[in-house]
Amino acid sequence: MKDNHVDKSQIKVCVICAETIKPKFLGLDNDGNKHYWYHGNNAQPVADGVCCDHCNKTVVIPERMTNILMSRNLDSFNKLI
């Protein structure tokens, strides 16, 4: 197995908390090379750019769920009118 390190030139910063986004280890290929995901998570609809896993779980996903529920409630309300 080869000793492939994280490529620090690809590290990104979370647009929500401004912390460094930790690369995710994806696994090894057939040659034993390590592969990482450096791109974080889509921060929409909270912000433009990418966010860390913590902000994705605690800020972005709850915002998306709220938007979905509000949209459904608005659709139900409009049907009553």
PDB file of N, CA and C in Angstrom:
ATOM      1  N   MET A   1       0.843  -1.179   0.000  1.00  0.00           N
ATOM      2  CA  MET A   1       0.000   0.000   0.000  1.00  0.00           C
ATOM      3  C   MET A   1       0.882   1.233   0.000  1.00  0.00           C
ATOM      4  N   LYS A   2       0.529   2.190  -0.823  1.00  0.00           N
ATOM      5  CA  LYS A   2       1.290   3.422  -0.911  1.00  0.00           C
ATOM      6  C   LYS A   2       0.851   4.393   0.180  1.00  0.00           C
ATOM      7  N   ASP A   3       1.747   5.282   0.577  1.00  0.00           N
ATOM      8  CA  ASP A   3       1.432   6.276   1.588  1.00  0.00           C
ATOM      9  C   ASP A   3       1.054   7.579   0.897  1.00  0.00           C
ATOM     10  N   ASN A   4      -0.223   7.708   0.508  1.00  0.00           N
ATOM     11  CA  ASN A   4      -0.712   8.920  -0.132  1.00  0.00           C
ATOM     12  C   ASN A   4      -1.265   9.842   0.948  1.00  0.00           C
ATOM     13  N   HIS A   5      -0.758  11.044   0.979  1.00  0.00           N
ATOM     14  CA  HIS A   5      -1.213  11.999   1.974  1.00  0.00           C
ATOM     15  C   HIS A   5      -2.297  12.892   1.387  1.00  0.00           C
ATOM     16  N   VAL A   6      -3.000  13.573   2.268  1.00  0.00           N
ATOM     17  CA  VAL A   6      -4.006  14.539   1.855  1.00  0.00           C
ATOM     18  C   VAL A   6      -3.320  15.670   1.102  1.00  0.00           C
ATOM     19  N   ASP A   7      -3.900  16.080  -0.011  1.00  0.00           N
ATOM     20  CA  ASP A   7      -3.367  17.181  -0.814  1.00  0.00           C
ATOM     21  C   ASP A   7      -3.839  18.494  -0.196  1.00  0.00           C
ATOM     22  N   LYS A   8      -2.974  19.130   0.582  1.00  0.00           N
ATOM     23  CA  LYS A   8      -3.356  20.345   1.311  1.00  0.00           C
ATOM     24  C   LYS A   8      -3.703  21.506   0.390  1.00  0.00           C
ATOM     25  N   SER A   9      -3.285  21.442  -0.864  1.00  0.00           N
ATOM     26  CA  SER A   9      -3.618  22.524  -1.797  1.00  0.00           C
ATOM     27  C   SER A   9      -5.098  22.503  -2.183  1.00  0.00           C
ATOM     28  N   GLN A  10      -5.780  21.395  -1.899  1.00  0.00           N
ATOM     29  CA  GLN A  10      -7.198  21.289  -2.249  1.00  0.00           C
ATOM     30  C   GLN A  10      -8.132  21.567  -1.072  1.00  0.00           C
ATOM     31  N   ILE A  11      -7.578  21.829   0.095  1.00  0.00           N
ATOM     32  CA  ILE A  11      -8.395  22.075   1.286  1.00  0.00           C
ATOM     33  C   ILE A  11      -9.218  23.352   1.086  1.00  0.00           C
ATOM     34  N   LYS A  12     -10.496  23.284   1.453  1.00  0.00           N
ATOM     35  CA  LYS A  12     -11.409  24.421   1.323  1.00  0.00           C
ATOM     36  C   LYS A  12     -11.857  24.889   2.701  1.00  0.00           C
ATOM     37  N   VAL A  13     -12.481  26.070   2.736  1.00  0.00           N
ATOM     38  CA  VAL A  13     -12.982  26.655   3.975  1.00  0.00           C
ATOM     39  C   VAL A  13     -14.500  26.727   3.907  1.00  0.00           C
ATOM     40  N   CYS A  14     -15.153  26.394   5.005  1.00  0.00           N
ATOM     41  CA  CYS A  14     -16.611  26.435   5.105  1.00  0.00           C
ATOM     42  C   CYS A  14     -17.092  27.885   5.006  1.00  0.00           C
ATOM     43  N   VAL A  15     -18.084  28.136   4.145  1.00  0.00           N
ATOM     44  CA  VAL A  15     -18.603  29.489   3.981  1.00  0.00           C
ATOM     45  C   VAL A  15     -19.516  29.905   5.132  1.00  0.00           C
ATOM     46  N   ILE A  16     -19.891  28.968   5.987  1.00  0.00           N
ATOM     47  CA  ILE A  16     -20.778  29.288   7.104  1.00  0.00           C
ATOM     48  C   ILE A  16     -19.987  29.563   8.384  1.00  0.00           C
ATOM     49  N   CYS A  17     -19.101  28.647   8.750  1.00  0.00           N
ATOM     50  CA  CYS A  17     -18.366  28.806  10.021  1.00  0.00           C
ATOM     51  C   CYS A  17     -16.917  29.244   9.834  1.00  0.00           C
ATOM     52  N   ALA A  18     -16.439  29.257   8.610  1.00  0.00           N
ATOM     53  CA  ALA A  18     -15.065  29.662   8.268  1.00  0.00           C
ATOM     54  C   ALA A  18     -13.997  28.701   8.792  1.00  0.00           C
ATOM     55  N   GLU A  19     -14.382  27.492   9.143  1.00  0.00           N
ATOM     56  CA  GLU A  19     -13.422  26.465   9.550  1.00  0.00           C
ATOM     57  C   GLU A  19     -12.974  25.682   8.317  1.00  0.00           C
ATOM     58  N   THR A  20     -11.827  25.043   8.433  1.00  0.00           N
ATOM     59  CA  THR A  20     -11.318  24.201   7.355  1.00  0.00           C
ATOM     60  C   THR A  20     -12.214  22.982   7.174  1.00  0.00           C
ATOM     61  N   ILE A  21     -12.510  22.662   5.917  1.00  0.00           N
ATOM     62  CA  ILE A  21     -13.303  21.464   5.614  1.00  0.00           C
ATOM     63  C   ILE A  21     -12.359  20.278   5.568  1.00  0.00           C
ATOM     64  N   LYS A  22     -12.616  19.292   6.423  1.00  0.00           N
ATOM     65  CA  LYS A  22     -11.768  18.106   6.482  1.00  0.00           C
ATOM     66  C   LYS A  22     -12.059  17.195   5.292  1.00  0.00           C
ATOM     67  N   PRO A  23     -11.025  16.761   4.579  1.00  0.00           N
ATOM     68  CA  PRO A  23     -11.240  15.829   3.470  1.00  0.00           C
ATOM     69  C   PRO A  23     -11.815  14.503   3.967  1.00  0.00           C
ATOM     70  N   LYS A  24     -12.686  13.893   3.169  1.00  0.00           N
ATOM     71  CA  LYS A  24     -13.261  12.587   3.514  1.00  0.00           C
ATOM     72  C   LYS A  24     -12.486  11.504   2.784  1.00  0.00           C
ATOM     73  N   PHE A  25     -12.065  10.508   3.528  1.00  0.00           N
ATOM     74  CA  PHE A  25     -11.376   9.367   2.935  1.00  0.00           C
ATOM     75  C   PHE A  25     -12.413   8.519   2.216  1.00  0.00           C
ATOM     76  N   LEU A  26     -12.209   8.314   0.912  1.00  0.00           N
ATOM     77  CA  LEU A  26     -13.151   7.549   0.100  1.00  0.00           C
ATOM     78  C   LEU A  26     -12.787   6.077   0.000  1.00  0.00           C
ATOM     79  N   GLY A  27     -11.508   5.777   0.132  1.00  0.00           N
ATOM     80  CA  GLY A  27     -11.080   4.390   0.035  1.00  0.00           C
ATOM     81  C   GLY A  27      -9.814   4.261  -0.792  1.00  0.00           C
ATOM     82  N   LEU A  28      -9.478   3.018  -1.046  1.00  0.00           N
ATOM     83  CA  LEU A  28      -8.268   2.694  -1.802  1.00  0.00           C
ATOM     84  C   LEU A  28      -8.649   2.172  -3.182  1.00  0.00           C
ATOM     85  N   ASP A  29      -7.827   2.516  -4.172  1.00  0.00           N
ATOM     86  CA  ASP A  29      -8.034   1.920  -5.488  1.00  0.00           C
ATOM     87  C   ASP A  29      -7.281   0.590  -5.550  1.00  0.00           C
ATOM     88  N   ASN A  30      -7.306  -0.066  -6.685  1.00  0.00           N
ATOM     89  CA  ASN A  30      -6.675  -1.391  -6.825  1.00  0.00           C
ATOM     90  C   ASN A  30      -5.163  -1.361  -6.631  1.00  0.00           C
ATOM     91  N   ASP A  31      -4.554  -0.182  -6.819  1.00  0.00           N
ATOM     92  CA  ASP A  31      -3.102  -0.051  -6.636  1.00  0.00           C
ATOM     93  C   ASP A  31      -2.729   0.367  -5.225  1.00  0.00           C
ATOM     94  N   GLY A  32      -3.709   0.514  -4.349  1.00  0.00           N
ATOM     95  CA  GLY A  32      -3.446   0.900  -2.971  1.00  0.00           C
ATOM     96  C   GLY A  32      -3.330   2.395  -2.746  1.00  0.00           C
ATOM     97  N   ASN A  33      -3.723   3.184  -3.738  1.00  0.00           N
ATOM     98  CA  ASN A  33      -3.693   4.638  -3.589  1.00  0.00           C
ATOM     99  C   ASN A  33      -4.920   5.114  -2.827  1.00  0.00           C
ATOM    100  N   LYS A  34      -4.713   6.011  -1.868  1.00  0.00           N
ATOM    101  CA  LYS A  34      -5.815   6.571  -1.098  1.00  0.00           C
ATOM    102  C   LYS A  34      -6.473   7.696  -1.900  1.00  0.00           C
ATOM    103  N   HIS A  35      -7.810   7.769  -1.783  1.00  0.00           N
ATOM    104  CA  HIS A  35      -8.564   8.819  -2.470  1.00  0.00           C
ATOM    105  C   HIS A  35      -9.424   9.563  -1.456  1.00  0.00           C
ATOM    106  N   TYR A  36      -9.480  10.889  -1.632  1.00  0.00           N
ATOM    107  CA  TYR A  36     -10.206  11.760  -0.709  1.00  0.00           C
ATOM    108  C   TYR A  36     -11.192  12.639  -1.468  1.00  0.00           C
ATOM    109  N   TRP A  37     -12.271  13.039  -0.769  1.00  0.00           N
ATOM    110  CA  TRP A  37     -13.231  14.016  -1.277  1.00  0.00           C
ATOM    111  C   TRP A  37     -12.896  15.332  -0.590  1.00  0.00           C
ATOM    112  N   TYR A  38     -12.591  16.354  -1.386  1.00  0.00           N
ATOM    113  CA  TYR A  38     -12.163  17.644  -0.854  1.00  0.00           C
ATOM    114  C   TYR A  38     -13.232  18.726  -0.958  1.00  0.00           C
ATOM    115  N   HIS A  39     -14.353  18.433  -1.570  1.00  0.00           N
ATOM    116  CA  HIS A  39     -15.278  19.475  -1.997  1.00  0.00           C
ATOM    117  C   HIS A  39     -16.370  19.831  -1.005  1.00  0.00           C
ATOM    118  N   GLY A  40     -16.404  19.246   0.156  1.00  0.00           N
ATOM    119  CA  GLY A  40     -17.399  19.606   1.157  1.00  0.00           C
ATOM    120  C   GLY A  40     -18.810  19.338   0.687  1.00  0.00           C
ATOM    121  N   ASN A  41     -19.741  20.125   1.215  1.00  0.00           N
ATOM    122  CA  ASN A  41     -21.163  19.976   0.919  1.00  0.00           C
ATOM    123  C   ASN A  41     -21.707  21.269   0.330  1.00  0.00           C
ATOM    124  N   ASN A  42     -22.720  21.161  -0.496  1.00  0.00           N
ATOM    125  CA  ASN A  42     -23.371  22.339  -1.061  1.00  0.00           C
ATOM    126  C   ASN A  42     -24.051  23.111   0.074  1.00  0.00           C
ATOM    127  N   ALA A  43     -23.738  24.381   0.224  1.00  0.00           N
ATOM    128  CA  ALA A  43     -24.278  25.184   1.318  1.00  0.00           C
ATOM    129  C   ALA A  43     -25.601  25.870   0.986  1.00  0.00           C
ATOM    130  N   GLN A  44     -26.142  25.663  -0.213  1.00  0.00           N
ATOM    131  CA  GLN A  44     -27.425  26.268  -0.581  1.00  0.00           C
ATOM    132  C   GLN A  44     -28.542  25.620   0.228  1.00  0.00           C
ATOM    133  N   PRO A  45     -29.530  26.295   0.695  1.00  0.00           N
ATOM    134  CA  PRO A  45     -29.908  27.674   0.424  1.00  0.00           C
ATOM    135  C   PRO A  45     -29.374  28.687   1.439  1.00  0.00           C
ATOM    136  N   VAL A  46     -28.484  28.257   2.304  1.00  0.00           N
ATOM    137  CA  VAL A  46     -27.977  29.145   3.347  1.00  0.00           C
ATOM    138  C   VAL A  46     -26.944  30.124   2.804  1.00  0.00           C
ATOM    139  N   ALA A  47     -26.049  29.648   1.960  1.00  0.00           N
ATOM    140  CA  ALA A  47     -24.970  30.489   1.423  1.00  0.00           C
ATOM    141  C   ALA A  47     -24.502  29.917   0.089  1.00  0.00           C
ATOM    142  N   ASP A  48     -23.809  30.739  -0.671  1.00  0.00           N
ATOM    143  CA  ASP A  48     -23.180  30.274  -1.904  1.00  0.00           C
ATOM    144  C   ASP A  48     -21.824  29.684  -1.553  1.00  0.00           C
ATOM    145  N   GLY A  49     -21.537  28.510  -2.061  1.00  0.00           N
ATOM    146  CA  GLY A  49     -20.252  27.863  -1.803  1.00  0.00           C
ATOM    147  C   GLY A  49     -20.425  26.518  -1.140  1.00  0.00           C
ATOM    148  N   VAL A  50     -19.393  26.106  -0.410  1.00  0.00           N
ATOM    149  CA  VAL A  50     -19.393  24.790   0.228  1.00  0.00           C
ATOM    150  C   VAL A  50     -19.275  24.941   1.739  1.00  0.00           C
ATOM    151  N   CYS A  51     -19.781  23.931   2.445  1.00  0.00           N
ATOM    152  CA  CYS A  51     -19.728  23.964   3.901  1.00  0.00           C
ATOM    153  C   CYS A  51     -19.186  22.646   4.448  1.00  0.00           C
ATOM    154  N   CYS A  52     -18.809  22.674   5.706  1.00  0.00           N
ATOM    155  CA  CYS A  52     -18.286  21.488   6.389  1.00  0.00           C
ATOM    156  C   CYS A  52     -19.448  20.555   6.766  1.00  0.00           C
ATOM    157  N   ASP A  53     -19.119  19.344   7.198  1.00  0.00           N
ATOM    158  CA  ASP A  53     -20.152  18.380   7.579  1.00  0.00           C
ATOM    159  C   ASP A  53     -20.994  18.886   8.748  1.00  0.00           C
ATOM    160  N   HIS A  54     -20.344  19.521   9.725  1.00  0.00           N
ATOM    161  CA  HIS A  54     -21.080  20.009  10.902  1.00  0.00           C
ATOM    162  C   HIS A  54     -22.133  21.040  10.489  1.00  0.00           C
ATOM    163  N   CYS A  55     -21.750  22.033   9.697  1.00  0.00           N
ATOM    164  CA  CYS A  55     -22.707  23.050   9.254  1.00  0.00           C
ATOM    165  C   CYS A  55     -23.765  22.454   8.335  1.00  0.00           C
ATOM    166  N   ASN A  56     -23.389  21.475   7.551  1.00  0.00           N
ATOM    167  CA  ASN A  56     -24.363  20.813   6.692  1.00  0.00           C
ATOM    168  C   ASN A  56     -25.451  20.163   7.542  1.00  0.00           C
ATOM    169  N   LYS A  57     -25.038  19.474   8.613  1.00  0.00           N
ATOM    170  CA  LYS A  57     -25.990  18.769   9.468  1.00  0.00           C
ATOM    171  C   LYS A  57     -26.804  19.707  10.346  1.00  0.00           C
ATOM    172  N   THR A  58     -26.181  20.773  10.858  1.00  0.00           N
ATOM    173  CA  THR A  58     -26.855  21.613  11.847  1.00  0.00           C
ATOM    174  C   THR A  58     -27.491  22.878  11.284  1.00  0.00           C
ATOM    175  N   VAL A  59     -27.107  23.287  10.072  1.00  0.00           N
ATOM    176  CA  VAL A  59     -27.636  24.529   9.507  1.00  0.00           C
ATOM    177  C   VAL A  59     -28.321  24.292   8.163  1.00  0.00           C
ATOM    178  N   VAL A  60     -27.608  23.692   7.220  1.00  0.00           N
ATOM    179  CA  VAL A  60     -28.112  23.592   5.844  1.00  0.00           C
ATOM    180  C   VAL A  60     -29.281  22.618   5.724  1.00  0.00           C
ATOM    181  N   ILE A  61     -29.119  21.409   6.215  1.00  0.00           N
ATOM    182  CA  ILE A  61     -30.199  20.422   6.083  1.00  0.00           C
ATOM    183  C   ILE A  61     -31.463  20.870   6.829  1.00  0.00           C
ATOM    184  N   PRO A  62     -31.349  21.382   8.066  1.00  0.00           N
ATOM    185  CA  PRO A  62     -32.572  21.891   8.709  1.00  0.00           C
ATOM    186  C   PRO A  62     -33.242  23.023   7.906  1.00  0.00           C
ATOM    187  N   GLU A  63     -32.456  23.891   7.295  1.00  0.00           N
ATOM    188  CA  GLU A  63     -33.022  24.964   6.475  1.00  0.00           C
ATOM    189  C   GLU A  63     -33.746  24.388   5.265  1.00  0.00           C
ATOM    190  N   ARG A  64     -33.157  23.390   4.640  1.00  0.00           N
ATOM    191  CA  ARG A  64     -33.811  22.755   3.490  1.00  0.00           C
ATOM    192  C   ARG A  64     -35.120  22.087   3.906  1.00  0.00           C
ATOM    193  N   MET A  65     -35.101  21.416   5.046  1.00  0.00           N
ATOM    194  CA  MET A  65     -36.318  20.752   5.531  1.00  0.00           C
ATOM    195  C   MET A  65     -37.404  21.777   5.844  1.00  0.00           C
ATOM    196  N   THR A  66     -37.015  22.878   6.457  1.00  0.00           N
ATOM    197  CA  THR A  66     -37.974  23.952   6.742  1.00  0.00           C
ATOM    198  C   THR A  66     -38.571  24.483   5.448  1.00  0.00           C
ATOM    199  N   ASN A  67     -37.737  24.700   4.454  1.00  0.00           N
ATOM    200  CA  ASN A  67     -38.231  25.195   3.168  1.00  0.00           C
ATOM    201  C   ASN A  67     -39.221  24.226   2.531  1.00  0.00           C
ATOM    202  N   ILE A  68     -38.927  22.933   2.618  1.00  0.00           N
ATOM    203  CA  ILE A  68     -39.831  21.923   2.052  1.00  0.00           C
ATOM    204  C   ILE A  68     -41.166  21.943   2.792  1.00  0.00           C
ATOM    205  N   LEU A  69     -41.106  21.953   4.118  1.00  0.00           N
ATOM    206  CA  LEU A  69     -42.339  21.939   4.904  1.00  0.00           C
ATOM    207  C   LEU A  69     -43.151  23.209   4.690  1.00  0.00           C
ATOM    208  N   MET A  70     -42.482  24.352   4.616  1.00  0.00           N
ATOM    209  CA  MET A  70     -43.191  25.613   4.371  1.00  0.00           C
ATOM    210  C   MET A  70     -43.840  25.605   2.985  1.00  0.00           C
ATOM    211  N   SER A  71     -43.152  25.038   2.008  1.00  0.00           N
ATOM    212  CA  SER A  71     -43.698  24.955   0.662  1.00  0.00           C
ATOM    213  C   SER A  71     -44.943  24.073   0.636  1.00  0.00           C
ATOM    214  N   ARG A  72     -44.885  22.958   1.338  1.00  0.00           N
ATOM    215  CA  ARG A  72     -46.042  22.057   1.394  1.00  0.00           C
ATOM    216  C   ARG A  72     -47.210  22.724   2.107  1.00  0.00           C
ATOM    217  N   ASN A  73     -46.914  23.429   3.205  1.00  0.00           N
ATOM    218  CA  ASN A  73     -47.981  24.109   3.926  1.00  0.00           C
ATOM    219  C   ASN A  73     -48.607  25.195   3.067  1.00  0.00           C
ATOM    220  N   LEU A  74     -47.795  25.910   2.309  1.00  0.00           N
ATOM    221  CA  LEU A  74     -48.316  26.953   1.429  1.00  0.00           C
ATOM    222  C   LEU A  74     -49.188  26.346   0.329  1.00  0.00           C
ATOM    223  N   ASP A  75     -48.750  25.209  -0.214  1.00  0.00           N
ATOM    224  CA  ASP A  75     -49.550  24.531  -1.238  1.00  0.00           C
ATOM    225  C   ASP A  75     -50.893  24.105  -0.664  1.00  0.00           C
ATOM    226  N   SER A  76     -50.893  23.566   0.557  1.00  0.00           N
ATOM    227  CA  SER A  76     -52.142  23.140   1.200  1.00  0.00           C
ATOM    228  C   SER A  76     -53.037  24.334   1.458  1.00  0.00           C
ATOM    229  N   PHE A  77     -52.462  25.437   1.901  1.00  0.00           N
ATOM    230  CA  PHE A  77     -53.221  26.651   2.166  1.00  0.00           C
ATOM    231  C   PHE A  77     -53.841  27.186   0.881  1.00  0.00           C
ATOM    232  N   ASN A  78     -53.060  27.209  -0.196  1.00  0.00           N
ATOM    233  CA  ASN A  78     -53.571  27.723  -1.473  1.00  0.00           C
ATOM    234  C   ASN A  78     -54.718  26.888  -2.001  1.00  0.00           C
ATOM    235  N   LYS A  79     -54.741  25.582  -1.698  1.00  0.00           N
ATOM    236  CA  LYS A  79     -55.851  24.742  -2.147  1.00  0.00           C
ATOM    237  C   LYS A  79     -57.149  25.074  -1.414  1.00  0.00           C
ATOM    238  N   LEU A  80     -57.010  25.607  -0.192  1.00  0.00           N
ATOM    239  CA  LEU A  80     -58.194  25.980   0.584  1.00  0.00           C
ATOM    240  C   LEU A  80     -58.826  27.280   0.105  1.00  0.00           C
ATOM    241  N   ILE A  81     -58.030  28.092  -0.535  1.00  0.00           N
ATOM    242  CA  ILE A  81     -58.516  29.411  -0.969  1.00  0.00           C
ATOM    243  C   ILE A  81     -59.350  29.301  -2.220  1.00  0.00           C
TER     244      ILE A  81
END
